[in-house]
Amino acid sequence: MNPVRAICENKIVAVIRAEEPREALEKARVMREAGIKVFEITVEKGCMLPALGEIKALGDTVVMAGGVITAMCAQEAVENGAQLIVSPVFQSGLAKYCLGNKIAHIATVSTPNEAYNAWKARIPIIKIFPAKPMGRIEYIEDMLRPMPFLNLMPSGGISLEDFKDYLDAGAVAVGMGRCLYKNASLEEIKERARYVLQTLNCGA
C-alpha cells in the first residue's frame, strides 16, 4: 500500500503518543477494529520503535513514525516497520535523506513560507502544526488560497466536532490525536473512531 496515497484516500491519521509499545498497540488495535487504517506513532522515545512493527502486523494498515529529526532515527524507524517518516520540523537534510533512499516523508511546518519551501523540497504531504493555535480552519483556507497546490494535513487541537471542517477547507487529511483517546477506555476509543468514520462517510 502506497502510504501517501493511503493518507489521501483515508483522510484520517490517528496520532498516538504513548509511554510504552503495549499502550500504543492497544489503542491502535481498537481503532483498527473501528476502521481507521493510518497511524502515526511518535517515537521520540526509542522504546516506542517496536510498536511500529506490532501495529503494522494488525494488517491493512499504514504505520508512520512521528517525531523523527535525524537520518539515523529515520533508518531505525524504517527497520522497525515504519512505512513513512514524519518530522516535527522541516529539516532539509532529513528531506534529502528520505528522498535519496526512497522513504516516504512528511515534514511539519507552521507558516506559509515553510510550507512552500517544503513543497519545493518535494515533500508530498505537509503537516500543519499546531493547527488550532495557528488559526484553525481559516488558517488552512488562507494558506491554500494563494497556494492551492499544497497537500496540507493539519494536526494539533483538532476535535471530533471540527475535523470535517478542515477537510472541507481543502486539507487532504487530518491528524487526530488526544480527541480519539484522552480519558477514554478502549471501548470508548473504538466508539470515537467509529464516530469519526461515520461522520466522514456521511459527508462523502
Foldseek 3Di string as FASTA:
>chain_A
DQQVVCCLVQQEEEEEEDDALVVVQLLLLLLVVLPDAHYEYECPPVRNLLNQLSSPVSPNHAYEYEQDDDPVVVVSSVVNHHQEYEHAADDLVNLVSCVVVVGQYEYEDADLVRQVVCVVSVNQEYEHPPQVVSPHQVNLLVSCPVPVVHAYEYEHPDALPCLVSNVVSRHSHYYDYCNLPPPDDSVSSSVSSNSSVVVVVVVD
